């Protein structure tokens, strides 16, 4: 397939499917409640853009939404610093997945290219090192790593 045809086809077939795509992410950390521990879930929204000049495609996380349903201990149990329950709404531009024309061509040749690219995207999320800034009980903010346990496209 000619180079520009690959880029145009990827842009028309794949990119729209990943515009404002909702991905549910579960953290490996749990929040402590009064009676039980709670999973910490986030929803990521993505967008994929094609750069025809560099002939590359990049998928970014454009926003992160979620709730910390209980407290999260930081450090040792004897320490008094912890993340407090809160809603999380972060607008961002986190580069998640970057591919070149060879990757685009390989994806487009797959029998189900959208599903195949989804698998690449979910693997990228599971391997990402994403930090979010959260409020602590001492009225300060701390960068906390999400630590992704699982991710699924909604």
N, C-alpha and C. Protein backbone atom coordinates (compact mmCIF):
# COMPACT_ATOMS: atom_id res chain seq x y z
N UNK A 1 0.85 -1.16 0.00
CA UNK A 1 0.00 0.00 0.00
C UNK A 1 0.91 1.24 0.00
N UNK A 2 0.65 2.20 -0.88
CA UNK A 2 1.46 3.43 -0.89
C UNK A 2 1.36 4.16 0.45
N UNK A 3 2.44 4.87 0.77
CA UNK A 3 2.57 5.52 2.07
C UNK A 3 1.41 6.45 2.41
N UNK A 4 1.05 7.36 1.54
CA UNK A 4 -0.04 8.31 1.83
C UNK A 4 -1.38 7.59 1.93
N UNK A 5 -1.57 6.52 1.14
CA UNK A 5 -2.81 5.75 1.26
C UNK A 5 -2.94 5.11 2.65
N UNK A 6 -1.82 4.62 3.17
CA UNK A 6 -1.81 4.04 4.51
C UNK A 6 -2.23 5.08 5.54
N UNK A 7 -1.65 6.25 5.45
CA UNK A 7 -1.95 7.33 6.41
C UNK A 7 -3.40 7.77 6.30
N UNK A 8 -3.88 7.95 5.09
CA UNK A 8 -5.27 8.39 4.88
C UNK A 8 -6.24 7.32 5.36
N UNK A 9 -5.96 6.05 5.07
CA UNK A 9 -6.85 4.98 5.50
C UNK A 9 -6.86 4.85 7.02
N UNK A 10 -5.68 4.94 7.65
CA UNK A 10 -5.62 4.88 9.11
C UNK A 10 -6.40 6.04 9.71
N UNK A 11 -6.24 7.22 9.14
CA UNK A 11 -6.92 8.41 9.64
C UNK A 11 -8.44 8.29 9.50
N UNK A 12 -8.91 7.67 8.43
CA UNK A 12 -10.36 7.57 8.22
C UNK A 12 -10.98 6.36 8.93
N UNK A 13 -10.24 5.26 9.09
CA UNK A 13 -10.81 4.05 9.69
C UNK A 13 -10.54 3.90 11.17
N UNK A 14 -9.37 4.29 11.62
CA UNK A 14 -8.97 4.03 13.00
C UNK A 14 -9.13 5.26 13.89
N UNK A 15 -8.62 6.40 13.46
CA UNK A 15 -8.64 7.60 14.30
C UNK A 15 -10.02 7.96 14.84
N UNK A 16 -11.09 7.95 14.02
CA UNK A 16 -12.41 8.32 14.56
C UNK A 16 -12.89 7.39 15.67
N UNK A 17 -12.52 6.13 15.62
CA UNK A 17 -12.95 5.18 16.65
C UNK A 17 -12.30 5.47 18.01
N UNK A 18 -11.19 6.20 18.00
CA UNK A 18 -10.47 6.48 19.24
C UNK A 18 -10.55 7.94 19.65
N UNK A 19 -11.51 8.65 19.07
CA UNK A 19 -11.77 10.04 19.45
C UNK A 19 -12.77 10.03 20.59
N UNK A 20 -12.38 10.58 21.74
CA UNK A 20 -13.21 10.60 22.95
C UNK A 20 -13.61 9.18 23.38
N UNK A 21 -12.72 8.24 23.15
CA UNK A 21 -12.93 6.85 23.55
C UNK A 21 -12.87 6.76 25.08
N UNK A 22 -13.81 6.03 25.66
CA UNK A 22 -13.88 5.87 27.11
C UNK A 22 -13.26 4.53 27.50
N UNK A 23 -12.30 4.59 28.43
CA UNK A 23 -11.61 3.39 28.89
C UNK A 23 -11.70 3.34 30.41
N UNK A 24 -12.24 2.25 30.95
CA UNK A 24 -12.31 2.08 32.40
C UNK A 24 -11.00 1.47 32.88
N UNK A 25 -10.42 2.10 33.89
CA UNK A 25 -9.14 1.68 34.43
C UNK A 25 -9.30 1.43 35.92
N UNK A 26 -8.78 0.30 36.39
CA UNK A 26 -8.83 -0.03 37.82
C UNK A 26 -7.39 -0.02 38.35
N UNK A 27 -7.20 0.70 39.43
CA UNK A 27 -5.89 0.82 40.06
C UNK A 27 -5.59 -0.42 40.90
N UNK A 28 -4.30 -0.74 41.06
CA UNK A 28 -3.92 -1.85 41.93
C UNK A 28 -4.07 -1.47 43.40
N UNK A 29 -4.11 -0.16 43.67
CA UNK A 29 -4.29 0.33 45.03
C UNK A 29 -5.76 0.30 45.40
N UNK A 30 -6.04 0.06 46.67
CA UNK A 30 -7.42 0.14 47.15
C UNK A 30 -7.51 1.28 48.17
N UNK A 31 -8.71 1.83 48.29
CA UNK A 31 -8.97 2.88 49.26
C UNK A 31 -9.60 2.25 50.49
N UNK A 32 -9.21 2.74 51.65
CA UNK A 32 -9.70 2.20 52.92
C UNK A 32 -10.96 2.93 53.35
N UNK A 33 -11.99 2.18 53.60
CA UNK A 33 -13.24 2.74 54.12
C UNK A 33 -13.43 2.30 55.56
N UNK A 34 -14.49 2.75 56.20
CA UNK A 34 -14.70 2.38 57.61
C UNK A 34 -14.98 0.89 57.80
N UNK A 35 -15.63 0.27 56.83
CA UNK A 35 -15.98 -1.15 56.99
C UNK A 35 -15.28 -2.07 55.99
N UNK A 36 -14.81 -1.51 54.88
CA UNK A 36 -14.19 -2.34 53.84
C UNK A 36 -13.27 -1.50 52.98
N UNK A 37 -12.47 -2.19 52.15
CA UNK A 37 -11.63 -1.51 51.17
C UNK A 37 -12.39 -1.41 49.86
N UNK A 38 -12.12 -0.36 49.10
CA UNK A 38 -12.82 -0.11 47.84
C UNK A 38 -11.82 -0.06 46.68
N UNK A 39 -12.25 -0.57 45.53
CA UNK A 39 -11.40 -0.43 44.35
C UNK A 39 -11.42 1.04 43.90
N UNK A 40 -10.36 1.44 43.25
CA UNK A 40 -10.26 2.81 42.75
C UNK A 40 -10.35 2.73 41.23
N UNK A 41 -11.44 3.25 40.69
CA UNK A 41 -11.70 3.20 39.26
C UNK A 41 -11.58 4.59 38.65
N UNK A 42 -11.05 4.61 37.44
CA UNK A 42 -10.95 5.85 36.68
C UNK A 42 -11.51 5.62 35.30
N UNK A 43 -11.87 6.69 34.65
CA UNK A 43 -12.28 6.63 33.26
C UNK A 43 -11.33 7.55 32.49
N UNK A 44 -10.66 6.98 31.50
CA UNK A 44 -9.76 7.74 30.65
C UNK A 44 -10.50 8.04 29.35
N UNK A 45 -10.29 9.22 28.81
CA UNK A 45 -10.79 9.57 27.49
C UNK A 45 -9.59 9.84 26.60
N UNK A 46 -9.63 9.30 25.39
CA UNK A 46 -8.48 9.42 24.48
C UNK A 46 -8.85 10.18 23.22
N UNK A 47 -7.81 10.53 22.49
CA UNK A 47 -7.98 11.05 21.13
C UNK A 47 -6.74 10.64 20.33
N UNK A 48 -6.96 10.34 19.08
CA UNK A 48 -5.87 9.92 18.19
C UNK A 48 -5.77 10.92 17.05
N UNK A 49 -4.58 11.41 16.84
CA UNK A 49 -4.34 12.39 15.77
C UNK A 49 -3.24 11.88 14.85
N UNK A 50 -3.40 12.18 13.59
CA UNK A 50 -2.42 11.83 12.57
C UNK A 50 -1.62 13.08 12.22
N UNK A 51 -0.31 12.94 12.16
CA UNK A 51 0.56 14.02 11.69
C UNK A 51 1.03 13.60 10.30
N UNK A 52 0.44 14.20 9.27
CA UNK A 52 0.79 13.81 7.90
C UNK A 52 2.20 14.26 7.52
N UNK A 53 2.72 15.27 8.20
CA UNK A 53 4.08 15.72 7.91
C UNK A 53 5.11 14.70 8.39
N UNK A 54 4.97 14.26 9.65
CA UNK A 54 5.92 13.28 10.19
C UNK A 54 5.49 11.84 9.89
N UNK A 55 4.26 11.68 9.39
CA UNK A 55 3.72 10.38 9.02
C UNK A 55 3.63 9.45 10.23
N UNK A 56 3.09 10.00 11.32
CA UNK A 56 2.95 9.25 12.56
C UNK A 56 1.56 9.49 13.15
N UNK A 57 1.13 8.53 13.97
CA UNK A 57 -0.13 8.67 14.69
C UNK A 57 0.17 8.61 16.19
N UNK A 58 -0.53 9.45 16.94
CA UNK A 58 -0.34 9.49 18.38
C UNK A 58 -1.69 9.48 19.07
N UNK A 59 -1.83 8.60 20.05
CA UNK A 59 -3.03 8.58 20.87
C UNK A 59 -2.66 9.15 22.24
N UNK A 60 -3.43 10.15 22.66
CA UNK A 60 -3.23 10.82 23.94
C UNK A 60 -4.39 10.51 24.87
N UNK A 61 -4.12 10.54 26.18
CA UNK A 61 -5.19 10.59 27.17
C UNK A 61 -5.53 12.07 27.29
N UNK A 62 -6.78 12.42 27.01
CA UNK A 62 -7.17 13.83 27.05
C UNK A 62 -7.79 14.22 28.39
N UNK A 63 -8.37 13.26 29.10
CA UNK A 63 -8.88 13.55 30.44
C UNK A 63 -9.01 12.27 31.26
N UNK A 64 -8.95 12.47 32.58
CA UNK A 64 -9.07 11.38 33.54
C UNK A 64 -10.14 11.77 34.54
N UNK A 65 -11.11 10.88 34.75
CA UNK A 65 -12.20 11.12 35.70
C UNK A 65 -12.25 9.94 36.65
N UNK A 66 -12.56 10.20 37.90
CA UNK A 66 -12.69 9.11 38.85
C UNK A 66 -13.01 9.62 40.24
N UNK A 67 -13.07 8.68 41.16
CA UNK A 67 -13.36 9.00 42.55
C UNK A 67 -12.44 8.17 43.44
N UNK A 68 -11.88 8.83 44.44
CA UNK A 68 -11.16 8.11 45.48
C UNK A 68 -12.20 7.92 46.60
N UNK A 69 -12.75 6.69 46.75
CA UNK A 69 -13.89 6.48 47.65
C UNK A 69 -13.53 6.41 49.14
N UNK A 70 -12.25 6.33 49.45
CA UNK A 70 -11.81 6.26 50.84
C UNK A 70 -10.40 6.79 50.93
N UNK A 71 -9.75 6.63 52.06
CA UNK A 71 -8.40 7.15 52.21
C UNK A 71 -7.37 6.16 51.66
N UNK A 72 -6.23 6.70 51.25
CA UNK A 72 -5.12 5.88 50.75
C UNK A 72 -3.91 6.21 51.60
N UNK A 73 -3.39 5.23 52.30
CA UNK A 73 -2.22 5.43 53.15
C UNK A 73 -0.99 5.68 52.28
N UNK A 74 -0.15 6.59 52.75
CA UNK A 74 1.10 6.89 52.05
C UNK A 74 2.22 6.57 53.02
N UNK A 75 3.13 5.70 52.61
CA UNK A 75 4.23 5.32 53.49
C UNK A 75 3.81 4.26 54.47
N UNK A 76 4.39 4.31 55.65
CA UNK A 76 4.12 3.33 56.70
C UNK A 76 2.80 3.63 57.40
N UNK A 77 2.21 2.62 58.00
CA UNK A 77 0.92 2.79 58.68
C UNK A 77 0.99 3.77 59.85
N UNK A 78 2.15 3.91 60.47
CA UNK A 78 2.29 4.82 61.61
C UNK A 78 2.32 6.30 61.18
N UNK A 79 2.61 6.55 59.91
CA UNK A 79 2.69 7.93 59.44
C UNK A 79 1.28 8.52 59.32
N UNK A 80 1.19 9.83 59.47
CA UNK A 80 -0.12 10.47 59.50
C UNK A 80 -0.53 11.08 58.16
N UNK A 81 0.24 10.84 57.10
CA UNK A 81 -0.10 11.40 55.80
C UNK A 81 -0.88 10.38 54.98
N UNK A 82 -2.03 10.81 54.46
CA UNK A 82 -2.80 9.94 53.58
C UNK A 82 -3.62 10.79 52.60
N UNK A 83 -3.99 10.16 51.49
CA UNK A 83 -4.83 10.79 50.48
C UNK A 83 -6.27 10.69 50.96
N UNK A 84 -7.00 11.78 50.88
CA UNK A 84 -8.38 11.80 51.36
C UNK A 84 -9.36 11.45 50.23
N UNK A 85 -10.57 11.02 50.58
CA UNK A 85 -11.59 10.76 49.54
C UNK A 85 -11.85 12.04 48.74
N UNK A 86 -11.99 11.87 47.42
CA UNK A 86 -12.19 13.03 46.55
C UNK A 86 -12.59 12.62 45.15
N UNK A 87 -13.17 13.56 44.43
CA UNK A 87 -13.45 13.37 43.00
C UNK A 87 -12.23 13.83 42.22
N UNK A 88 -11.96 13.14 41.13
CA UNK A 88 -10.80 13.47 40.30
C UNK A 88 -11.30 13.81 38.91
N UNK A 89 -10.89 14.98 38.43
CA UNK A 89 -11.19 15.40 37.06
C UNK A 89 -9.96 16.14 36.55
N UNK A 90 -9.22 15.50 35.67
CA UNK A 90 -7.96 16.06 35.19
C UNK A 90 -8.02 16.16 33.67
N UNK A 91 -7.79 17.36 33.16
CA UNK A 91 -7.63 17.56 31.72
C UNK A 91 -6.13 17.45 31.45
N UNK A 92 -5.76 16.65 30.48
CA UNK A 92 -4.33 16.44 30.24
C UNK A 92 -4.07 16.19 28.76
N UNK A 93 -2.83 15.97 28.46
CA UNK A 93 -2.40 15.67 27.10
C UNK A 93 -1.28 14.63 27.20
N UNK A 94 -1.57 13.52 27.86
CA UNK A 94 -0.57 12.49 28.12
C UNK A 94 -0.39 11.61 26.89
N UNK A 95 0.82 11.61 26.34
CA UNK A 95 1.10 10.78 25.16
C UNK A 95 1.14 9.32 25.58
N UNK A 96 0.21 8.56 25.04
CA UNK A 96 0.04 7.17 25.45
C UNK A 96 0.65 6.18 24.45
N UNK A 97 0.38 6.40 23.17
CA UNK A 97 0.82 5.46 22.14
C UNK A 97 1.20 6.24 20.89
N UNK A 98 2.38 5.93 20.37
CA UNK A 98 2.91 6.63 19.20
C UNK A 98 3.34 5.57 18.18
N UNK A 99 2.80 5.66 16.97
CA UNK A 99 3.15 4.65 15.95
C UNK A 99 3.56 5.32 14.65
N UNK A 100 4.34 4.58 13.85
CA UNK A 100 4.78 5.09 12.55
C UNK A 100 3.99 4.40 11.44
N UNK A 101 4.33 4.69 10.20
CA UNK A 101 3.57 4.15 9.07
C UNK A 101 3.69 2.63 8.96
N UNK A 102 4.81 2.06 9.37
CA UNK A 102 4.94 0.59 9.35
C UNK A 102 3.94 -0.04 10.30
N UNK A 103 3.80 0.55 11.49
CA UNK A 103 2.81 0.05 12.45
C UNK A 103 1.40 0.24 11.92
N UNK A 104 1.14 1.40 11.31
CA UNK A 104 -0.19 1.66 10.74
C UNK A 104 -0.54 0.61 9.70
N UNK A 105 0.41 0.32 8.84
CA UNK A 105 0.18 -0.68 7.79
C UNK A 105 -0.09 -2.05 8.41
N UNK A 106 0.69 -2.42 9.42
CA UNK A 106 0.49 -3.71 10.09
C UNK A 106 -0.90 -3.78 10.73
N UNK A 107 -1.34 -2.69 11.34
CA UNK A 107 -2.67 -2.65 11.96
C UNK A 107 -3.75 -2.78 10.90
N UNK A 108 -3.61 -2.04 9.81
CA UNK A 108 -4.62 -2.06 8.75
C UNK A 108 -4.72 -3.41 8.05
N UNK A 109 -3.64 -4.18 8.05
CA UNK A 109 -3.66 -5.50 7.41
C UNK A 109 -4.29 -6.57 8.29
N UNK A 110 -4.51 -6.25 9.54
CA UNK A 110 -5.14 -7.20 10.47
C UNK A 110 -6.61 -7.39 10.06
N UNK A 111 -7.19 -8.59 10.25
CA UNK A 111 -8.59 -8.81 9.89
C UNK A 111 -9.57 -7.86 10.61
N UNK A 112 -9.23 -7.45 11.82
CA UNK A 112 -10.06 -6.50 12.56
C UNK A 112 -9.15 -5.40 13.10
N UNK A 113 -8.82 -4.40 12.26
CA UNK A 113 -7.82 -3.40 12.65
C UNK A 113 -8.19 -2.57 13.88
N UNK A 114 -9.45 -2.26 14.06
CA UNK A 114 -9.85 -1.46 15.23
C UNK A 114 -9.63 -2.26 16.52
N UNK A 115 -10.00 -3.51 16.53
CA UNK A 115 -9.78 -4.37 17.69
C UNK A 115 -8.27 -4.53 17.96
N UNK A 116 -7.51 -4.71 16.91
CA UNK A 116 -6.07 -4.88 17.04
C UNK A 116 -5.42 -3.63 17.63
N UNK A 117 -5.81 -2.45 17.15
CA UNK A 117 -5.27 -1.21 17.70
C UNK A 117 -5.74 -1.03 19.14
N UNK A 118 -6.95 -1.46 19.46
CA UNK A 118 -7.45 -1.40 20.84
C UNK A 118 -6.55 -2.20 21.77
N UNK A 119 -6.11 -3.36 21.33
CA UNK A 119 -5.22 -4.19 22.14
C UNK A 119 -3.89 -3.47 22.39
N UNK A 120 -3.37 -2.80 21.36
CA UNK A 120 -2.14 -2.02 21.51
C UNK A 120 -2.35 -0.92 22.55
N UNK A 121 -3.49 -0.26 22.45
CA UNK A 121 -3.81 0.85 23.33
C UNK A 121 -3.94 0.38 24.79
N UNK A 122 -4.64 -0.72 25.00
CA UNK A 122 -4.81 -1.24 26.36
C UNK A 122 -3.47 -1.68 26.95
N UNK A 123 -2.61 -2.28 26.13
CA UNK A 123 -1.26 -2.64 26.60
C UNK A 123 -0.47 -1.40 26.99
N UNK A 124 -0.60 -0.34 26.21
CA UNK A 124 0.10 0.92 26.51
C UNK A 124 -0.39 1.49 27.84
N UNK A 125 -1.69 1.42 28.09
CA UNK A 125 -2.23 1.93 29.36
C UNK A 125 -1.71 1.11 30.52
N UNK A 126 -1.72 -0.20 30.40
CA UNK A 126 -1.27 -1.07 31.49
C UNK A 126 0.21 -0.86 31.81
N UNK A 127 0.99 -0.43 30.84
CA UNK A 127 2.43 -0.22 31.04
C UNK A 127 2.80 1.24 31.28
N UNK A 128 1.82 2.12 31.32
CA UNK A 128 2.08 3.56 31.48
C UNK A 128 2.41 3.89 32.94
N UNK A 129 3.21 4.91 33.10
CA UNK A 129 3.52 5.45 34.43
C UNK A 129 2.81 6.79 34.54
N UNK A 130 1.59 6.75 35.04
CA UNK A 130 0.76 7.94 35.10
C UNK A 130 0.68 8.42 36.55
N UNK A 131 1.02 9.69 36.76
CA UNK A 131 0.93 10.31 38.07
C UNK A 131 -0.24 11.28 38.07
N UNK A 132 -1.01 11.28 39.16
CA UNK A 132 -2.08 12.25 39.32
C UNK A 132 -1.84 13.00 40.62
N UNK A 133 -2.22 14.26 40.63
CA UNK A 133 -2.03 15.07 41.82
C UNK A 133 -3.30 15.01 42.67
N UNK A 134 -3.16 14.53 43.91
CA UNK A 134 -4.30 14.33 44.80
C UNK A 134 -4.10 15.06 46.12
N UNK A 135 -5.21 15.43 46.73
CA UNK A 135 -5.19 16.17 47.99
C UNK A 135 -4.99 15.22 49.17
N UNK A 136 -4.19 15.67 50.14
CA UNK A 136 -3.93 14.86 51.33
C UNK A 136 -4.69 15.43 52.54
N UNK A 137 -4.64 14.68 53.61
CA UNK A 137 -5.28 15.11 54.86
C UNK A 137 -4.60 16.33 55.48
N UNK A 138 -3.40 16.67 55.03
CA UNK A 138 -2.68 17.82 55.56
C UNK A 138 -2.86 19.06 54.68
N UNK A 139 -3.94 19.03 53.87
CA UNK A 139 -4.29 20.15 52.99
C UNK A 139 -3.17 20.50 52.01
N UNK A 140 -2.45 19.48 51.58
CA UNK A 140 -1.41 19.64 50.57
C UNK A 140 -1.74 18.68 49.43
N UNK A 141 -0.93 18.72 48.39
CA UNK A 141 -1.13 17.83 47.25
C UNK A 141 0.10 16.95 47.08
N UNK A 142 -0.14 15.75 46.59
CA UNK A 142 0.94 14.80 46.36
C UNK A 142 0.72 14.12 45.01
N UNK A 143 1.81 13.85 44.30
CA UNK A 143 1.70 13.09 43.05
C UNK A 143 1.64 11.62 43.41
N UNK A 144 0.60 10.96 42.91
CA UNK A 144 0.36 9.57 43.24
C UNK A 144 0.32 8.76 41.95
N UNK A 145 1.06 7.65 41.88
CA UNK A 145 1.04 6.80 40.67
C UNK A 145 -0.22 5.94 40.64
N UNK A 146 -0.89 5.92 39.48
CA UNK A 146 -2.13 5.15 39.37
C UNK A 146 -1.92 3.66 39.57
N UNK A 147 -0.85 3.09 39.06
CA UNK A 147 -0.64 1.65 39.20
C UNK A 147 -1.80 0.87 38.62
N UNK A 148 -1.80 0.65 37.32
CA UNK A 148 -2.95 0.09 36.62
C UNK A 148 -3.01 -1.43 36.76
N UNK A 149 -4.12 -1.90 37.28
CA UNK A 149 -4.38 -3.33 37.42
C UNK A 149 -5.04 -3.88 36.16
N UNK A 150 -6.03 -3.14 35.65
CA UNK A 150 -6.73 -3.58 34.45
C UNK A 150 -7.30 -2.38 33.71
N UNK A 151 -7.54 -2.57 32.44
CA UNK A 151 -8.15 -1.53 31.60
C UNK A 151 -9.05 -2.20 30.57
N UNK A 152 -10.21 -1.61 30.35
CA UNK A 152 -11.15 -2.15 29.37
C UNK A 152 -11.85 -0.99 28.66
N UNK A 153 -12.03 -1.14 27.38
CA UNK A 153 -12.72 -0.12 26.59
C UNK A 153 -14.23 -0.25 26.81
N UNK A 154 -14.87 0.86 27.14
CA UNK A 154 -16.32 0.83 27.38
C UNK A 154 -17.09 1.03 26.09
